[in-house]
Amino acid sequence: MTAAPKRALWFVVGASSAVVAGAAVKRSLDAGWRAVTSKDPPDEPESLTIGWKDALLWTTVSAVAVDSALLGRYYERYADHAVNAGRHVVFLVTGESQS
């Protein structure tokens, strides 16, 4: 497989993974909201029919979910960098490539 089709394939895999993950987070947030408040989650928190407490709580819960996902991504990247640094050290000390 040449570089262009590989890149397109990984783009499709990445995009579909993001869509699936987004849907899973939305379902989890909605289910959690229903479990805690016994109400449906607000569709539009800025609507005048939603109380300010519910709007503030929904905004906070959504922000925590997004921040948690980003934090996991950052830790994963940090771990990747640590593995790469370890491979470089092994190569410098032993002269053997770690792949």
C-alpha atoms as a PDB file:
ATOM      1  CA  MET A   1       0.000   0.000   0.000  1.00  0.00           C
ATOM      2  CA  THR A   2       1.437   3.367  -0.996  1.00  0.00           C
ATOM      3  CA  ALA A   3       1.662   6.364   1.317  1.00  0.00           C
ATOM      4  CA  ALA A   4      -1.429   8.205   0.026  1.00  0.00           C
ATOM      5  CA  PRO A   5      -3.958   5.360   0.517  1.00  0.00           C
ATOM      6  CA  LYS A   6      -2.404   4.550   3.916  1.00  0.00           C
ATOM      7  CA  ARG A   7      -2.784   8.157   4.988  1.00  0.00           C
ATOM      8  CA  ALA A   8      -6.387   8.234   3.757  1.00  0.00           C
ATOM      9  CA  LEU A   9      -7.141   4.985   5.573  1.00  0.00           C
ATOM     10  CA  TRP A  10      -5.731   6.310   8.856  1.00  0.00           C
ATOM     11  CA  PHE A  11      -7.637   9.556   8.375  1.00  0.00           C
ATOM     12  CA  VAL A  12     -10.882   7.591   8.057  1.00  0.00           C
ATOM     13  CA  VAL A  13     -10.008   5.419  11.070  1.00  0.00           C
ATOM     14  CA  GLY A  14      -9.150   8.491  13.153  1.00  0.00           C
ATOM     15  CA  ALA A  15     -12.258  10.417  12.129  1.00  0.00           C
ATOM     16  CA  SER A  16     -14.586   7.484  12.763  1.00  0.00           C
ATOM     17  CA  SER A  17     -12.946   6.837  16.144  1.00  0.00           C
ATOM     18  CA  ALA A  18     -13.532  10.468  17.113  1.00  0.00           C
ATOM     19  CA  VAL A  19     -17.196  10.239  16.108  1.00  0.00           C
ATOM     20  CA  VAL A  20     -17.700   7.021  18.086  1.00  0.00           C
ATOM     21  CA  ALA A  21     -15.905   8.444  21.131  1.00  0.00           C
ATOM     22  CA  GLY A  22     -17.970  11.637  20.969  1.00  0.00           C
ATOM     23  CA  ALA A  23     -21.207   9.664  20.816  1.00  0.00           C
ATOM     24  CA  ALA A  24     -20.109   7.499  23.764  1.00  0.00           C
ATOM     25  CA  VAL A  25     -19.248  10.547  25.882  1.00  0.00           C
ATOM     26  CA  LYS A  26     -22.574  12.204  25.028  1.00  0.00           C
ATOM     27  CA  ARG A  27     -24.506   9.070  26.001  1.00  0.00           C
ATOM     28  CA  SER A  28     -22.522   8.780  29.242  1.00  0.00           C
ATOM     29  CA  LEU A  29     -23.108  12.418  30.140  1.00  0.00           C
ATOM     30  CA  ASP A  30     -26.822  12.135  29.381  1.00  0.00           C
ATOM     31  CA  ALA A  31     -27.167   8.924  31.413  1.00  0.00           C
ATOM     32  CA  GLY A  32     -25.268  10.432  34.336  1.00  0.00           C
ATOM     33  CA  TRP A  33     -27.424  13.557  34.251  1.00  0.00           C
ATOM     34  CA  ARG A  34     -30.615  11.477  34.268  1.00  0.00           C
ATOM     35  CA  ALA A  35     -29.324   9.332  37.154  1.00  0.00           C
ATOM     36  CA  VAL A  36     -28.444  12.336  39.303  1.00  0.00           C
ATOM     37  CA  THR A  37     -31.286  14.748  38.523  1.00  0.00           C
ATOM     38  CA  SER A  38     -34.080  12.409  37.297  1.00  0.00           C
ATOM     39  CA  LYS A  39     -34.569  14.840  34.375  1.00  0.00           C
ATOM     40  CA  ASP A  40     -33.520  14.900  30.751  1.00  0.00           C
ATOM     41  CA  PRO A  41     -30.305  16.842  30.155  1.00  0.00           C
ATOM     42  CA  PRO A  42     -30.717  20.333  28.733  1.00  0.00           C
ATOM     43  CA  ASP A  43     -30.583  20.467  24.922  1.00  0.00           C
ATOM     44  CA  GLU A  44     -29.756  24.160  24.974  1.00  0.00           C
ATOM     45  CA  PRO A  45     -28.360  25.314  28.323  1.00  0.00           C
ATOM     46  CA  GLU A  46     -28.655  28.944  27.192  1.00  0.00           C
ATOM     47  CA  SER A  47     -32.444  28.597  26.798  1.00  0.00           C
ATOM     48  CA  LEU A  48     -34.589  30.736  29.090  1.00  0.00           C
ATOM     49  CA  THR A  49     -36.594  27.662  30.120  1.00  0.00           C
ATOM     50  CA  ILE A  50     -33.537  26.127  31.812  1.00  0.00           C
ATOM     51  CA  GLY A  51     -32.773  27.298  35.322  1.00  0.00           C
ATOM     52  CA  TRP A  52     -29.387  28.891  35.918  1.00  0.00           C
ATOM     53  CA  LYS A  53     -28.372  26.146  38.351  1.00  0.00           C
ATOM     54  CA  ASP A  54     -29.049  23.405  35.791  1.00  0.00           C
ATOM     55  CA  ALA A  55     -27.283  25.353  33.054  1.00  0.00           C
ATOM     56  CA  LEU A  56     -24.236  25.949  35.253  1.00  0.00           C
ATOM     57  CA  LEU A  57     -24.134  22.329  36.416  1.00  0.00           C
ATOM     58  CA  TRP A  58     -24.450  20.982  32.851  1.00  0.00           C
ATOM     59  CA  THR A  59     -21.704  23.305  31.633  1.00  0.00           C
ATOM     60  CA  THR A  60     -19.413  22.249  34.474  1.00  0.00           C
ATOM     61  CA  VAL A  61     -20.022  18.529  33.994  1.00  0.00           C
ATOM     62  CA  SER A  62     -19.440  18.814  30.235  1.00  0.00           C
ATOM     63  CA  ALA A  63     -16.216  20.759  30.775  1.00  0.00           C
ATOM     64  CA  VAL A  64     -14.927  18.147  33.240  1.00  0.00           C
ATOM     65  CA  ALA A  65     -15.640  15.377  30.711  1.00  0.00           C
ATOM     66  CA  VAL A  66     -13.760  17.206  27.953  1.00  0.00           C
ATOM     67  CA  ASP A  67     -10.855  18.085  30.244  1.00  0.00           C
ATOM     68  CA  SER A  68     -10.584  14.459  31.381  1.00  0.00           C
ATOM     69  CA  ALA A  69     -10.375  13.278  27.777  1.00  0.00           C
ATOM     70  CA  LEU A  70      -7.689  15.846  27.001  1.00  0.00           C
ATOM     71  CA  LEU A  71      -5.738  14.925  30.115  1.00  0.00           C
ATOM     72  CA  GLY A  72      -5.728  11.288  29.058  1.00  0.00           C
ATOM     73  CA  ARG A  73      -4.455  12.286  25.634  1.00  0.00           C
ATOM     74  CA  TYR A  74      -1.675  14.399  27.135  1.00  0.00           C
ATOM     75  CA  TYR A  75      -0.561  11.553  29.420  1.00  0.00           C
ATOM     76  CA  GLU A  76      -0.496   9.209  26.435  1.00  0.00           C
ATOM     77  CA  ARG A  77       1.689  11.645  24.493  1.00  0.00           C
ATOM     78  CA  TYR A  78       3.972  12.085  27.502  1.00  0.00           C
ATOM     79  CA  ALA A  79       4.382   8.308  27.719  1.00  0.00           C
ATOM     80  CA  ASP A  80       5.200   8.131  23.997  1.00  0.00           C
ATOM     81  CA  HIS A  81       7.924  10.747  24.453  1.00  0.00           C
ATOM     82  CA  ALA A  82       9.332   8.873  27.446  1.00  0.00           C
ATOM     83  CA  VAL A  83       9.515   5.641  25.422  1.00  0.00           C
ATOM     84  CA  ASN A  84      11.259   7.469  22.562  1.00  0.00           C
ATOM     85  CA  ALA A  85      13.758   9.033  24.961  1.00  0.00           C
ATOM     86  CA  GLY A  86      14.464   5.615  26.479  1.00  0.00           C
ATOM     87  CA  ARG A  87      15.077   4.144  23.031  1.00  0.00           C
ATOM     88  CA  HIS A  88      17.509   6.950  22.225  1.00  0.00           C
ATOM     89  CA  VAL A  89      19.408   6.347  25.474  1.00  0.00           C
ATOM     90  CA  VAL A  90      19.632   2.605  24.761  1.00  0.00           C
ATOM     91  CA  PHE A  91      20.928   3.375  21.266  1.00  0.00           C
ATOM     92  CA  LEU A  92      23.523   5.841  22.580  1.00  0.00           C
ATOM     93  CA  VAL A  93      24.771   3.422  25.233  1.00  0.00           C
ATOM     94  CA  THR A  94      24.677   0.110  23.353  1.00  0.00           C
ATOM     95  CA  GLY A  95      24.552   1.120  19.686  1.00  0.00           C
ATOM     96  CA  GLU A  96      21.556  -1.192  19.178  1.00  0.00           C
ATOM     97  CA  SER A  97      18.396   0.139  17.589  1.00  0.00           C
ATOM     98  CA  GLN A  98      15.210  -0.431  19.596  1.00  0.00           C
ATOM     99  CA  SER A  99      12.181  -0.641  17.323  1.00  0.00           C
END
